[in-house]
């Protein structure tokens, strides 16, 4: 991350040297090579990156404003670089943006992306449907709002070194950031090597720059406040909560789910199908879940475990090998990736229950999705799930033992015949966006 940024900025500063040939290609998978380059160039980068970024910010060229409306600079950098439209943060960005278009009439809503190019521009306006940069941003001025609902660590060099403030002047442009979790600080062992360091820098930068920080849950809000107090971090930021939602229940049900993926539910134990929706990381609990089903399949021979999520994440090669070489892979153990919302809704509807065994989470959108579709939830007993998994049909478990989890699921199967249809309250993105707008009006004094 730091190495490639350093080389790109060197290339911009000294274009004749054509130093971009030393950029590390995306195809390089060796962790050793990546970490070695990060360590070797860390000190030179920290010395020279401020100078390069200062030059970029000083030479920034702005585009003209459309009208006299104040601008809401809606940052979609996470979406642009990581293409995570269907993952948690991607859903937050795309869903809130769609609803802000309908409800935020006093501002010119302008999606922007952070980048660095030979034109010395650090931010550009982006066309969301095509995800293409179309022009530079208009010059920020008093009364504008900068809103970042992501948490990309690409911002650390800009924000930490106060280059960000050269563009979005603190005291003029009101800056709002969203805090999704504090996992890299609380559990550094479950994230990549350098992530905790950069994450701490990012949090510190947000606390210096932000007028308002929105947490996605009361749980995260409490952890953030505790962290600030423990570290004695000075900040003038205000704080509020905006719980996330789901519009999956509003999507029209399609007809095209892949054959042999889902069978009809008859209500019998032998046809029950359990769903887990999340990316594949060690903290998400896939290993324990699969081993629990290895025990369950000895008694309930026809039940299915359906895993939905991307496998291209951190430290999961052993897990993916375990799944793809499993004796029931493709029959009772199913893995579905690169799936659209319509098919995802169908899978939820045809599943018997959602299981969420994650050991640490910032929120847990799949729980909201399942409950909005009136599906039972079996989830680990952690504070954030206690906060969001409310209402009928929720079963908590508190064990890391596959055998004990199998017992919990087995008990759920045996009692399923007596269960009643669920009617949990729907929490959608419109409600989440209304809470966000209310927070902006309350803390930023906008009309």
Protein backbone atom coordinates (compact mmCIF):
# COMPACT_ATOMS: atom_id res chain seq x y z
CA UNK A 1 0.00 0.00 0.00
CA UNK A 2 2.62 2.56 1.11
CA UNK A 3 5.17 1.28 -1.43
CA UNK A 4 2.91 1.71 -4.47
CA UNK A 5 1.71 5.11 -3.23
CA UNK A 6 5.32 6.21 -2.82
CA UNK A 7 6.27 5.05 -6.35
CA UNK A 8 3.19 6.68 -7.92
CA UNK A 9 3.91 10.00 -6.26
CA UNK A 10 7.57 9.77 -7.29
CA UNK A 11 6.39 9.19 -10.86
CA UNK A 12 4.18 12.27 -10.74
CA UNK A 13 6.94 14.41 -9.25
CA UNK A 14 9.65 13.18 -11.63
CA UNK A 15 7.77 12.11 -14.78
CA UNK A 16 10.88 11.93 -16.97
CA UNK A 17 12.32 9.12 -14.86
CA UNK A 18 9.35 6.82 -15.65
CA UNK A 19 9.52 5.24 -12.20
CA UNK A 20 6.10 3.64 -12.57
CA UNK A 21 7.85 0.56 -14.01
CA UNK A 22 8.73 -0.27 -10.38
CA UNK A 23 5.08 -0.46 -9.27
CA UNK A 24 4.20 -3.78 -7.68
CA UNK A 25 1.69 -5.54 -9.99
CA UNK A 26 -1.60 -6.83 -8.56
CA UNK A 27 -0.60 -10.32 -9.68
CA UNK A 28 2.13 -10.51 -7.03
CA UNK A 29 0.70 -12.77 -4.33
CA UNK A 30 3.83 -13.22 -2.21
CA UNK A 31 3.20 -11.78 1.26
CA UNK A 32 6.95 -11.80 1.92
CA UNK A 33 7.67 -9.57 -1.09
CA UNK A 34 4.86 -7.15 -0.19
CA UNK A 35 5.85 -6.85 3.47
CA UNK A 36 9.56 -6.52 2.61
CA UNK A 37 8.88 -3.61 0.25
CA UNK A 38 6.60 -1.97 2.82
CA UNK A 39 9.30 -2.18 5.51
CA UNK A 40 12.17 -1.04 3.24
CA UNK A 41 10.30 2.01 1.93
CA UNK A 42 8.37 2.93 5.06
CA UNK A 43 10.80 5.58 6.38
CA UNK A 44 11.55 7.20 2.96
CA UNK A 45 7.82 7.21 2.26
CA UNK A 46 6.94 8.92 5.53
CA UNK A 47 9.60 11.55 4.85
CA UNK A 48 8.80 12.34 1.22
CA UNK A 49 5.08 11.54 0.78
CA UNK A 50 4.03 14.76 2.60
CA UNK A 51 6.08 16.82 0.15
CA UNK A 52 4.64 15.05 -2.90
CA UNK A 53 1.05 15.31 -1.65
CA UNK A 54 1.50 18.95 -0.69
CA UNK A 55 2.56 19.68 -4.25
CA UNK A 56 -0.50 17.82 -5.60
CA UNK A 57 -2.83 19.75 -3.31
CA UNK A 58 -1.20 23.12 -4.11
CA UNK A 59 -1.54 22.57 -7.85
CA UNK A 60 -5.07 21.22 -7.71
CA UNK A 61 -7.29 22.29 -10.62
CA UNK A 62 -11.01 22.60 -9.90
CA UNK A 63 -14.04 22.32 -12.17
CA UNK A 64 -16.80 25.00 -12.10
CA UNK A 65 -19.84 24.60 -9.88
CA UNK A 66 -23.20 23.74 -11.42
CA UNK A 67 -25.26 26.17 -9.35
CA UNK A 68 -25.33 28.06 -6.07
CA UNK A 69 -26.34 25.01 -4.03
CA UNK A 70 -23.90 23.79 -1.41
CA UNK A 71 -22.20 20.53 -2.44
CA UNK A 72 -22.22 17.26 -0.54
CA UNK A 73 -19.00 15.53 -1.59
CA UNK A 74 -20.01 11.88 -1.27
CA UNK A 75 -16.82 9.81 -1.16
CA UNK A 76 -17.03 6.44 -2.97
CA UNK A 77 -13.34 5.56 -2.91
CA UNK A 78 -13.93 2.14 -1.32
CA UNK A 79 -16.41 1.31 -4.03
CA UNK A 80 -14.14 2.53 -6.83
CA UNK A 81 -10.96 0.71 -5.83
CA UNK A 82 -12.27 -2.47 -4.27
CA UNK A 83 -15.44 -3.11 -6.32
CA UNK A 84 -17.31 -4.20 -3.19
CA UNK A 85 -20.84 -3.28 -4.19
CA UNK A 86 -22.35 -6.40 -2.64
CA UNK A 87 -20.23 -6.52 0.51
CA UNK A 88 -21.08 -4.68 3.71
CA UNK A 89 -19.43 -1.29 3.12
CA UNK A 90 -20.33 -1.40 -0.57
CA UNK A 91 -24.00 -1.87 0.31
CA UNK A 92 -23.85 1.02 2.75
CA UNK A 93 -22.37 3.39 0.15
CA UNK A 94 -24.65 2.46 -2.76
CA UNK A 95 -27.84 2.20 -0.70
CA UNK A 96 -27.43 5.45 1.23
CA UNK A 97 -26.43 7.30 -1.96
CA UNK A 98 -29.59 6.11 -3.74
CA UNK A 99 -31.81 7.31 -0.89
CA UNK A 100 -29.94 10.60 -0.43
CA UNK A 101 -30.71 11.39 -4.07
CA UNK A 102 -34.41 11.27 -3.13
CA UNK A 103 -34.27 13.03 0.24
CA UNK A 104 -31.39 15.52 0.31
CA UNK A 105 -32.78 18.40 -1.76
CA UNK A 106 -30.73 21.24 -0.29
CA UNK A 107 -27.39 19.96 -1.60
CA UNK A 108 -25.78 19.03 -4.90
CA UNK A 109 -24.94 15.36 -4.23
CA UNK A 110 -21.59 14.72 -5.93
CA UNK A 111 -19.87 11.29 -5.81
CA UNK A 112 -16.09 11.65 -5.68
CA UNK A 113 -13.07 9.34 -5.56
CA UNK A 114 -9.60 9.87 -4.08
CA UNK A 115 -6.69 9.17 -6.42
CA UNK A 116 -3.42 10.60 -7.57
CA UNK A 117 -2.56 11.22 -11.20
CA UNK A 118 -0.14 13.06 -13.46
CA UNK A 119 -2.59 15.99 -13.53
CA UNK A 120 -1.89 16.58 -9.83
CA UNK A 121 -5.51 16.07 -8.82
CA UNK A 122 -6.25 14.19 -5.60
CA UNK A 123 -10.03 13.93 -6.02
CA UNK A 124 -12.27 13.51 -9.06
CA UNK A 125 -16.00 13.32 -9.64
CA UNK A 126 -17.01 9.80 -10.59
CA UNK A 127 -20.00 8.50 -12.56
CA UNK A 128 -21.38 5.76 -10.31
CA UNK A 129 -23.09 3.54 -12.92
CA UNK A 130 -19.94 3.27 -15.04
CA UNK A 131 -17.47 3.85 -12.16
CA UNK A 132 -15.46 6.22 -14.39
CA UNK A 133 -13.85 9.48 -13.35
CA UNK A 134 -15.41 12.26 -15.41
CA UNK A 135 -13.93 15.56 -14.12
CA UNK A 136 -12.20 17.27 -11.23
CA UNK A 137 -14.22 18.31 -8.21
CA UNK A 138 -15.60 21.84 -7.81
CA UNK A 139 -13.70 24.00 -5.33
CA UNK A 140 -15.04 23.24 -1.84
CA UNK A 141 -16.36 26.26 0.04
CA UNK A 142 -18.08 27.21 3.28
CA UNK A 143 -21.36 25.38 3.76
CA UNK A 144 -20.34 22.23 1.84
CA UNK A 145 -20.27 18.77 3.41
CA UNK A 146 -17.75 15.98 2.87
CA UNK A 147 -19.32 12.58 3.65
CA UNK A 148 -17.28 9.36 3.77
CA UNK A 149 -19.21 6.20 4.66
CA UNK A 150 -16.25 3.91 3.94
CA UNK A 151 -13.03 3.28 5.80
CA UNK A 152 -10.31 2.85 3.18
CA UNK A 153 -6.80 3.10 4.57
CA UNK A 154 -5.72 4.78 1.35
CA UNK A 155 -6.70 8.00 3.11
CA UNK A 156 -4.05 7.78 5.81
CA UNK A 157 -1.27 9.60 3.87
CA UNK A 158 -3.65 12.39 2.85
CA UNK A 159 -5.55 12.90 6.08
CA UNK A 160 -2.82 12.12 8.59
CA UNK A 161 -0.50 14.64 6.96
CA UNK A 162 -3.24 17.30 6.80
CA UNK A 163 -3.15 17.53 3.01
CA UNK A 164 -6.84 16.67 3.12
CA UNK A 165 -7.48 19.89 5.00
CA UNK A 166 -5.94 21.93 2.20
CA UNK A 167 -8.86 20.87 0.01
CA UNK A 168 -11.67 20.49 2.55
CA UNK A 169 -10.82 23.30 4.96
CA UNK A 170 -11.77 22.49 8.52
CA UNK A 171 -14.18 25.12 9.79
CA UNK A 172 -15.57 25.72 6.29
CA UNK A 173 -16.39 22.30 4.84
CA UNK A 174 -18.05 20.08 7.42
CA UNK A 175 -16.56 16.59 7.37
CA UNK A 176 -18.48 13.46 8.32
CA UNK A 177 -16.96 9.97 8.63
CA UNK A 178 -18.52 6.60 9.42
CA UNK A 179 -16.98 4.16 11.90
CA UNK A 180 -17.87 0.56 11.07
CA UNK A 181 -15.85 -1.24 13.75
CA UNK A 182 -12.65 -1.20 15.79
CA UNK A 183 -11.65 -4.80 15.02
CA UNK A 184 -8.07 -3.98 13.87
CA UNK A 185 -7.46 -2.31 17.25
CA UNK A 186 -9.30 -4.82 19.44
CA UNK A 187 -8.20 -7.98 17.63
CA UNK A 188 -5.10 -7.24 15.52
CA UNK A 189 -4.46 -10.97 15.06
CA UNK A 190 -7.51 -11.38 12.81
CA UNK A 191 -6.48 -8.79 10.19
CA UNK A 192 -3.46 -8.45 7.84
CA UNK A 193 -0.06 -7.55 9.30
CA UNK A 194 0.11 -3.76 8.84
CA UNK A 195 -3.62 -3.07 9.05
CA UNK A 196 -3.72 -2.28 12.82
CA UNK A 197 -1.02 0.40 12.45
CA UNK A 198 -2.68 2.10 9.50
CA UNK A 199 -6.09 1.76 11.10
CA UNK A 200 -4.95 3.58 14.25
CA UNK A 201 -3.56 6.36 12.07
CA UNK A 202 -6.85 6.50 10.16
CA UNK A 203 -8.94 6.72 13.35
CA UNK A 204 -6.64 9.43 14.71
CA UNK A 205 -6.93 11.38 11.45
CA UNK A 206 -10.73 11.11 11.50
CA UNK A 207 -10.85 12.38 15.07
CA UNK A 208 -8.73 15.38 14.08
CA UNK A 209 -10.62 16.22 10.89
CA UNK A 210 -14.24 15.22 11.48
CA UNK A 211 -17.04 17.49 12.60
CA UNK A 212 -19.20 14.40 13.03
CA UNK A 213 -18.43 10.67 13.31
CA UNK A 214 -21.31 8.27 12.78
CA UNK A 215 -21.07 4.75 14.21
CA UNK A 216 -23.12 1.99 12.58
CA UNK A 217 -24.27 0.67 15.96
CA UNK A 218 -24.44 1.58 19.63
CA UNK A 219 -21.89 -1.18 20.21
CA UNK A 220 -19.32 0.43 17.90
CA UNK A 221 -20.15 3.88 19.31
CA UNK A 222 -19.42 2.67 22.84
CA UNK A 223 -16.14 1.06 21.80
CA UNK A 224 -15.04 4.21 19.97
CA UNK A 225 -15.77 6.44 22.95
CA UNK A 226 -13.92 4.02 25.26
CA UNK A 227 -10.92 3.98 22.93
CA UNK A 228 -10.81 7.79 22.80
CA UNK A 229 -10.96 8.02 26.58
CA UNK A 230 -8.36 5.29 27.15
CA UNK A 231 -5.92 6.86 24.68
CA UNK A 232 -6.75 10.41 25.83
CA UNK A 233 -7.14 11.51 22.22
CA UNK A 234 -8.14 15.18 21.90
CA UNK A 235 -11.01 15.74 19.46
CA UNK A 236 -13.71 18.29 18.75
CA UNK A 237 -15.77 15.75 16.78
CA UNK A 238 -19.39 15.06 17.63
CA UNK A 239 -20.72 11.50 17.67
CA UNK A 240 -23.95 9.76 16.74
CA UNK A 241 -25.30 6.38 15.55
CA UNK A 242 -26.92 5.35 12.28
CA UNK A 243 -27.98 1.70 12.21
CA UNK A 244 -27.79 -0.05 8.85
CA UNK A 245 -30.70 -1.53 6.93
CA UNK A 246 -31.63 -3.71 3.97
CA UNK A 247 -33.83 -3.33 0.90
CA UNK A 248 -33.48 -6.97 -0.15
CA UNK A 249 -37.10 -7.61 0.83
CA UNK A 250 -38.25 -5.01 -1.74
CA UNK A 251 -36.61 -6.70 -4.73
CA UNK A 252 -38.85 -8.66 -7.06
CA UNK A 253 -38.17 -12.39 -6.81
CA UNK A 254 -36.46 -13.71 -9.95
CA UNK A 255 -36.73 -17.09 -11.58
CA UNK A 256 -33.09 -17.79 -12.34
CA UNK A 257 -31.32 -19.30 -9.32
CA UNK A 258 -28.82 -21.96 -10.43
CA UNK A 259 -30.20 -25.47 -10.59
CA UNK A 260 -29.32 -27.89 -7.79
CA UNK A 261 -28.45 -24.97 -5.53
CA UNK A 262 -31.68 -24.79 -3.56
CA UNK A 263 -34.39 -27.41 -3.23
CA UNK A 264 -37.97 -26.83 -2.10
CA UNK A 265 -38.63 -26.50 1.60
CA UNK A 266 -41.22 -28.96 2.87
CA UNK A 267 -40.88 -28.09 6.56
CA UNK A 268 -39.34 -31.48 7.32
CA UNK A 269 -36.02 -31.74 9.07
CA UNK A 270 -34.47 -33.76 6.28
CA UNK A 271 -34.99 -30.90 3.78
CA UNK A 272 -33.80 -28.05 5.98
CA UNK A 273 -31.26 -25.69 4.43
CA UNK A 274 -29.02 -23.42 6.50
CA UNK A 275 -27.46 -20.27 5.09
CA UNK A 276 -24.30 -18.34 6.02
CA UNK A 277 -23.66 -15.06 4.15
CA UNK A 278 -20.27 -13.36 4.60
CA UNK A 279 -16.82 -13.01 3.13
CA UNK A 280 -14.36 -15.77 3.91
CA UNK A 281 -12.02 -14.73 6.72
CA UNK A 282 -10.85 -16.68 9.78
CA UNK A 283 -12.95 -14.57 12.18
CA UNK A 284 -16.18 -15.33 10.31
CA UNK A 285 -16.53 -18.82 11.82
CA UNK A 286 -16.73 -20.93 8.64
CA UNK A 287 -14.39 -23.64 9.96
CA UNK A 288 -16.38 -24.27 13.13
CA UNK A 289 -19.62 -24.22 11.16
CA UNK A 290 -18.48 -26.79 8.60
CA UNK A 291 -17.11 -29.08 11.31
CA UNK A 292 -20.41 -28.80 13.18
CA UNK A 293 -22.27 -29.88 10.05
CA UNK A 294 -19.89 -32.81 9.63
CA UNK A 295 -21.35 -34.01 12.94
CA UNK A 296 -24.95 -33.13 12.00
CA UNK A 297 -24.80 -34.96 8.66
CA UNK A 298 -24.38 -38.26 10.52
CA UNK A 299 -27.89 -37.81 11.95
CA UNK A 300 -29.65 -35.49 9.49
CA UNK A 301 -28.46 -36.85 6.18
CA UNK A 302 -30.39 -34.50 3.88
CA UNK A 303 -29.81 -31.09 5.42
CA UNK A 304 -27.75 -28.56 3.46
CA UNK A 305 -25.26 -25.86 4.39
CA UNK A 306 -25.14 -22.99 1.89
CA UNK A 307 -22.21 -20.57 2.03
CA UNK A 308 -22.62 -17.28 0.14
CA UNK A 309 -19.69 -14.91 -0.11
CA UNK A 310 -16.45 -13.98 -1.82
CA UNK A 311 -13.40 -16.14 -1.26
CA UNK A 312 -10.84 -13.55 -2.38
CA UNK A 313 -10.12 -12.22 1.08
CA UNK A 314 -7.47 -12.58 3.74
CA UNK A 315 -5.85 -15.78 5.07
CA UNK A 316 -8.42 -18.26 3.82
CA UNK A 317 -6.55 -20.71 1.57
CA UNK A 318 -6.87 -23.59 4.04
CA UNK A 319 -10.59 -22.89 4.46
CA UNK A 320 -11.23 -22.80 0.71
CA UNK A 321 -9.30 -26.05 0.30
CA UNK A 322 -11.35 -27.61 3.11
CA UNK A 323 -14.57 -26.60 1.34
CA UNK A 324 -13.64 -27.59 -2.19
CA UNK A 325 -12.25 -31.00 -1.19
CA UNK A 326 -15.13 -31.81 1.17
CA UNK A 327 -16.90 -35.09 0.45
CA UNK A 328 -20.26 -33.27 0.27
CA UNK A 329 -19.07 -30.24 -1.71
CA UNK A 330 -21.63 -29.50 -4.42
CA UNK A 331 -24.35 -31.66 -2.84
CA UNK A 332 -24.88 -30.90 0.85
CA UNK A 333 -22.18 -28.26 1.19
CA UNK A 334 -22.68 -25.48 -1.33
CA UNK A 335 -20.57 -22.41 -1.96
CA UNK A 336 -22.06 -19.60 -4.05
CA UNK A 337 -20.08 -16.52 -5.05
CA UNK A 338 -20.59 -13.57 -7.40
CA UNK A 339 -24.35 -13.56 -6.85
CA UNK A 340 -26.80 -10.74 -7.54
CA UNK A 341 -29.36 -9.38 -5.10
CA UNK A 342 -32.28 -11.06 -6.83
CA UNK A 343 -30.80 -14.53 -6.53
CA UNK A 344 -29.62 -13.78 -3.01
CA UNK A 345 -33.17 -12.94 -1.98
CA UNK A 346 -34.40 -16.21 -3.47
CA UNK A 347 -31.77 -18.16 -1.53
CA UNK A 348 -32.82 -16.43 1.70
CA UNK A 349 -36.46 -17.21 1.00
CA UNK A 350 -35.82 -20.88 0.29
CA UNK A 351 -33.50 -21.36 3.26
CA UNK A 352 -34.73 -22.52 6.64
CA UNK A 353 -32.53 -20.28 8.78
CA UNK A 354 -29.50 -18.01 8.69
CA UNK A 355 -26.49 -19.04 10.76
CA UNK A 356 -23.99 -16.32 11.65
CA UNK A 357 -21.06 -17.78 13.64
CA UNK A 358 -18.71 -14.79 13.25
CA UNK A 359 -16.50 -14.16 16.28
CA UNK A 360 -16.19 -10.41 15.67
CA UNK A 361 -18.27 -8.06 13.55
CA UNK A 362 -18.96 -4.40 13.06
CA UNK A 363 -22.61 -5.04 12.30
CA UNK A 364 -23.89 -8.18 10.56
CA UNK A 365 -26.01 -7.08 7.60
CA UNK A 366 -27.06 -10.63 6.77
CA UNK A 367 -28.94 -10.80 10.08
CA UNK A 368 -31.01 -7.75 9.09
CA UNK A 369 -31.54 -9.20 5.61
CA UNK A 370 -32.75 -12.51 7.03
CA UNK A 371 -35.06 -10.94 9.60
CA UNK A 372 -36.55 -8.59 7.01
CA UNK A 373 -37.43 -11.71 5.01
CA UNK A 374 -38.93 -13.30 8.17
CA UNK A 375 -36.25 -15.97 8.51
CA UNK A 376 -35.00 -17.43 11.82
CA UNK A 377 -31.46 -16.52 12.89
CA UNK A 378 -28.92 -18.66 14.74
CA UNK A 379 -25.96 -16.48 15.73
CA UNK A 380 -23.03 -16.22 18.10
CA UNK A 381 -23.67 -14.41 21.36
CA UNK A 382 -21.57 -11.28 20.84
CA UNK A 383 -22.61 -7.71 21.80
CA UNK A 384 -23.31 -6.45 18.27
CA UNK A 385 -25.58 -9.42 17.48
CA UNK A 386 -27.44 -8.88 20.75
CA UNK A 387 -28.07 -5.33 19.58
CA UNK A 388 -29.31 -6.03 16.05
CA UNK A 389 -30.75 -9.57 16.21
CA UNK A 390 -33.96 -8.68 18.02
CA UNK A 391 -37.50 -9.97 17.89
CA UNK A 392 -38.76 -13.50 17.38
CA UNK A 393 -36.89 -16.45 15.95
CA UNK A 394 -33.38 -15.65 17.24
CA UNK A 395 -31.21 -18.37 18.79
CA UNK A 396 -27.89 -17.38 20.37
CA UNK A 397 -24.97 -19.73 21.02
CA UNK A 398 -21.76 -19.09 22.94
CA UNK A 399 -19.25 -21.78 22.07
CA UNK A 400 -16.26 -22.32 19.79
CA UNK A 401 -16.73 -26.09 19.90
CA UNK A 402 -18.06 -27.66 16.67
CA UNK A 403 -19.75 -30.40 18.73
CA UNK A 404 -21.58 -27.92 20.96
CA UNK A 405 -22.65 -25.82 17.94
CA UNK A 406 -23.92 -29.01 16.30
CA UNK A 407 -25.97 -29.67 19.45
CA UNK A 408 -27.50 -26.15 19.26
CA UNK A 409 -28.46 -26.62 15.60
CA UNK A 410 -29.75 -30.14 16.26
CA UNK A 411 -31.99 -28.81 19.04
CA UNK A 412 -33.22 -26.10 16.66
CA UNK A 413 -34.03 -28.74 14.01
CA UNK A 414 -35.95 -30.89 16.49
CA UNK A 415 -38.07 -27.92 17.65
CA UNK A 416 -38.59 -26.43 14.17
CA UNK A 417 -41.94 -28.19 13.66
CA UNK A 418 -43.45 -26.17 16.51
CA UNK A 419 -42.26 -22.78 15.29
CA UNK A 420 -44.66 -20.07 14.14
CA UNK A 421 -44.29 -17.75 11.13
CA UNK A 422 -42.10 -14.75 12.00
CA UNK A 423 -43.20 -11.14 11.60
CA UNK A 424 -40.19 -9.07 12.58
CA UNK A 425 -40.18 -5.33 11.97
CA UNK A 426 -38.54 -4.35 8.69
CA UNK A 427 -35.54 -2.01 8.90
CA UNK A 428 -34.76 -0.64 5.45
CA UNK A 429 -32.23 1.77 3.94
CA UNK A 430 -34.79 4.56 3.81
CA UNK A 431 -35.00 4.51 7.60
CA UNK A 432 -31.19 4.40 7.88
CA UNK A 433 -30.83 7.35 5.50
CA UNK A 434 -33.45 9.33 7.41
CA UNK A 435 -31.43 8.76 10.59
CA UNK A 436 -28.30 9.94 8.79
CA UNK A 437 -29.97 13.12 7.53
CA UNK A 438 -31.39 13.74 11.02
CA UNK A 439 -27.89 13.41 12.49
CA UNK A 440 -26.51 15.87 9.93
CA UNK A 441 -29.23 18.38 10.73
CA UNK A 442 -28.79 17.95 14.48
CA UNK A 443 -24.99 18.20 14.66
CA UNK A 444 -24.10 20.29 11.60
CA UNK A 445 -26.98 22.74 11.78
CA UNK A 446 -28.09 22.31 8.17
CA UNK A 447 -31.64 23.20 7.10
